[in-house]
């Protein structure tokens, strides 16, 4: 299920990036 964790983080990162174009970098 390791690939599930990064997938969820990636999806959230995309949503955050779309909502905030200012934050181009993924918040770790």
PDB file of N, CA and C in Angstrom:
ATOM      1  N   UNK A   1       0.845  -1.211   0.000  1.00  0.00           N
ATOM      2  CA  UNK A   1       0.000   0.000   0.000  1.00  0.00           C
ATOM      3  C   UNK A   1       0.882   1.264   0.000  1.00  0.00           C
ATOM      4  N   UNK A   2       2.131   1.069  -0.287  1.00  0.00           N
ATOM      5  CA  UNK A   2       3.036   2.223  -0.283  1.00  0.00           C
ATOM      6  C   UNK A   2       2.704   3.170  -1.438  1.00  0.00           C
ATOM      7  N   UNK A   3       2.221   2.579  -2.521  1.00  0.00           N
ATOM      8  CA  UNK A   3       1.912   3.411  -3.692  1.00  0.00           C
ATOM      9  C   UNK A   3       0.602   4.164  -3.471  1.00  0.00           C
ATOM     10  N   UNK A   4      -0.132   3.775  -2.432  1.00  0.00           N
ATOM     11  CA  UNK A   4      -1.407   4.459  -2.148  1.00  0.00           C
ATOM     12  C   UNK A   4      -1.143   5.778  -1.431  1.00  0.00           C
ATOM     13  N   UNK A   5      -0.166   5.762  -0.540  1.00  0.00           N
ATOM     14  CA  UNK A   5       0.156   6.975   0.227  1.00  0.00           C
ATOM     15  C   UNK A   5       0.623   8.098  -0.714  1.00  0.00           C
ATOM     16  N   UNK A   6       1.644   7.866  -1.521  1.00  0.00           N
ATOM     17  CA  UNK A   6       2.143   8.905  -2.435  1.00  0.00           C
ATOM     18  C   UNK A   6       1.054   9.361  -3.390  1.00  0.00           C
ATOM     19  N   UNK A   7       0.206   8.443  -3.810  1.00  0.00           N
ATOM     20  CA  UNK A   7      -0.870   8.789  -4.746  1.00  0.00           C
ATOM     21  C   UNK A   7      -1.796   9.811  -4.089  1.00  0.00           C
ATOM     22  N   UNK A   8      -2.139   9.569  -2.834  1.00  0.00           N
ATOM     23  CA  UNK A   8      -3.039  10.485  -2.126  1.00  0.00           C
ATOM     24  C   UNK A   8      -2.365  11.850  -1.953  1.00  0.00           C
ATOM     25  N   UNK A   9      -1.078  11.810  -1.627  1.00  0.00           N
ATOM     26  CA  UNK A   9      -0.348  13.068  -1.419  1.00  0.00           C
ATOM     27  C   UNK A   9      -0.261  13.840  -2.727  1.00  0.00           C
ATOM     28  N   UNK A  10      -0.059  13.092  -3.802  1.00  0.00           N
ATOM     29  CA  UNK A  10       0.055  13.745  -5.108  1.00  0.00           C
ATOM     30  C   UNK A  10      -1.259  14.408  -5.476  1.00  0.00           C
ATOM     31  N   UNK A  11      -2.367  13.691  -5.208  1.00  0.00           N
ATOM     32  CA  UNK A  11      -3.667  14.255  -5.551  1.00  0.00           C
ATOM     33  C   UNK A  11      -3.920  15.537  -4.751  1.00  0.00           C
ATOM     34  N   UNK A  12      -3.568  15.491  -3.485  1.00  0.00           N
ATOM     35  CA  UNK A  12      -3.769  16.672  -2.633  1.00  0.00           C
ATOM     36  C   UNK A  12      -2.886  17.817  -3.123  1.00  0.00           C
ATOM     37  N   UNK A  13      -1.685  17.481  -3.501  1.00  0.00           N
ATOM     38  CA  UNK A  13      -0.749  18.502  -3.968  1.00  0.00           C
ATOM     39  C   UNK A  13      -1.306  19.180  -5.217  1.00  0.00           C
ATOM     40  N   UNK A  14      -1.876  18.384  -6.113  1.00  0.00           N
ATOM     41  CA  UNK A  14      -2.444  18.939  -7.343  1.00  0.00           C
ATOM     42  C   UNK A  14      -3.597  19.877  -7.007  1.00  0.00           C
ATOM     43  N   UNK A  15      -4.442  19.458  -6.088  1.00  0.00           N
ATOM     44  CA  UNK A  15      -5.593  20.290  -5.696  1.00  0.00           C
ATOM     45  C   UNK A  15      -5.088  21.587  -5.065  1.00  0.00           C
ATOM     46  N   UNK A  16      -4.097  21.477  -4.221  1.00  0.00           N
ATOM     47  CA  UNK A  16      -3.551  22.667  -3.555  1.00  0.00           C
ATOM     48  C   UNK A  16      -2.902  23.597  -4.579  1.00  0.00           C
ATOM     49  N   UNK A  17      -2.212  22.997  -5.537  1.00  0.00           N
ATOM     50  CA  UNK A  17      -1.548  23.788  -6.564  1.00  0.00           C
ATOM     51  C   UNK A  17      -2.594  24.526  -7.398  1.00  0.00           C
ATOM     52  N   UNK A  18      -3.669  23.835  -7.711  1.00  0.00           N
ATOM     53  CA  UNK A  18      -4.735  24.464  -8.506  1.00  0.00           C
ATOM     54  C   UNK A  18      -5.389  25.599  -7.721  1.00  0.00           C
ATOM     55  N   UNK A  19      -5.629  25.341  -6.439  1.00  0.00           N
ATOM     56  CA  UNK A  19      -6.273  26.351  -5.606  1.00  0.00           C
ATOM     57  C   UNK A  19      -5.313  27.524  -5.363  1.00  0.00           C
ATOM     58  N   UNK A  20      -4.045  27.198  -5.161  1.00  0.00           N
ATOM     59  CA  UNK A  20      -3.050  28.244  -4.906  1.00  0.00           C
ATOM     60  C   UNK A  20      -1.906  28.151  -5.918  1.00  0.00           C
ATOM     61  N   UNK A  21      -2.038  28.854  -7.024  1.00  0.00           N
ATOM     62  CA  UNK A  21      -0.997  28.835  -8.055  1.00  0.00           C
ATOM     63  C   UNK A  21       0.318  29.410  -7.538  1.00  0.00           C
ATOM     64  N   UNK A  22       0.235  30.129  -6.430  1.00  0.00           N
ATOM     65  CA  UNK A  22       1.444  30.714  -5.838  1.00  0.00           C
ATOM     66  C   UNK A  22       2.363  29.617  -5.326  1.00  0.00           C
ATOM     67  N   UNK A  23       1.752  28.563  -4.778  1.00  0.00           N
ATOM     68  CA  UNK A  23       2.551  27.462  -4.225  1.00  0.00           C
ATOM     69  C   UNK A  23       2.812  26.417  -5.309  1.00  0.00           C
ATOM     70  N   UNK A  24       3.864  26.618  -6.056  1.00  0.00           N
ATOM     71  CA  UNK A  24       4.195  25.680  -7.129  1.00  0.00           C
ATOM     72  C   UNK A  24       4.874  24.442  -6.565  1.00  0.00           C
ATOM     73  N   UNK A  25       5.526  24.626  -5.409  1.00  0.00           N
ATOM     74  CA  UNK A  25       6.235  23.505  -4.795  1.00  0.00           C
ATOM     75  C   UNK A  25       5.284  22.707  -3.908  1.00  0.00           C
ATOM     76  N   UNK A  26       5.449  21.391  -3.896  1.00  0.00           N
ATOM     77  CA  UNK A  26       4.576  20.552  -3.080  1.00  0.00           C
ATOM     78  C   UNK A  26       4.979  20.638  -1.604  1.00  0.00           C
ATOM     79  N   UNK A  27       4.063  21.006  -0.743  1.00  0.00           N
ATOM     80  CA  UNK A  27       4.371  21.098   0.693  1.00  0.00           C
ATOM     81  C   UNK A  27       4.632  19.726   1.304  1.00  0.00           C
ATOM     82  N   UNK A  28       5.846  19.526   1.756  1.00  0.00           N
ATOM     83  CA  UNK A  28       6.191  18.212   2.312  1.00  0.00           C
ATOM     84  C   UNK A  28       5.708  18.125   3.750  1.00  0.00           C
TER      85      UNK A  28
END
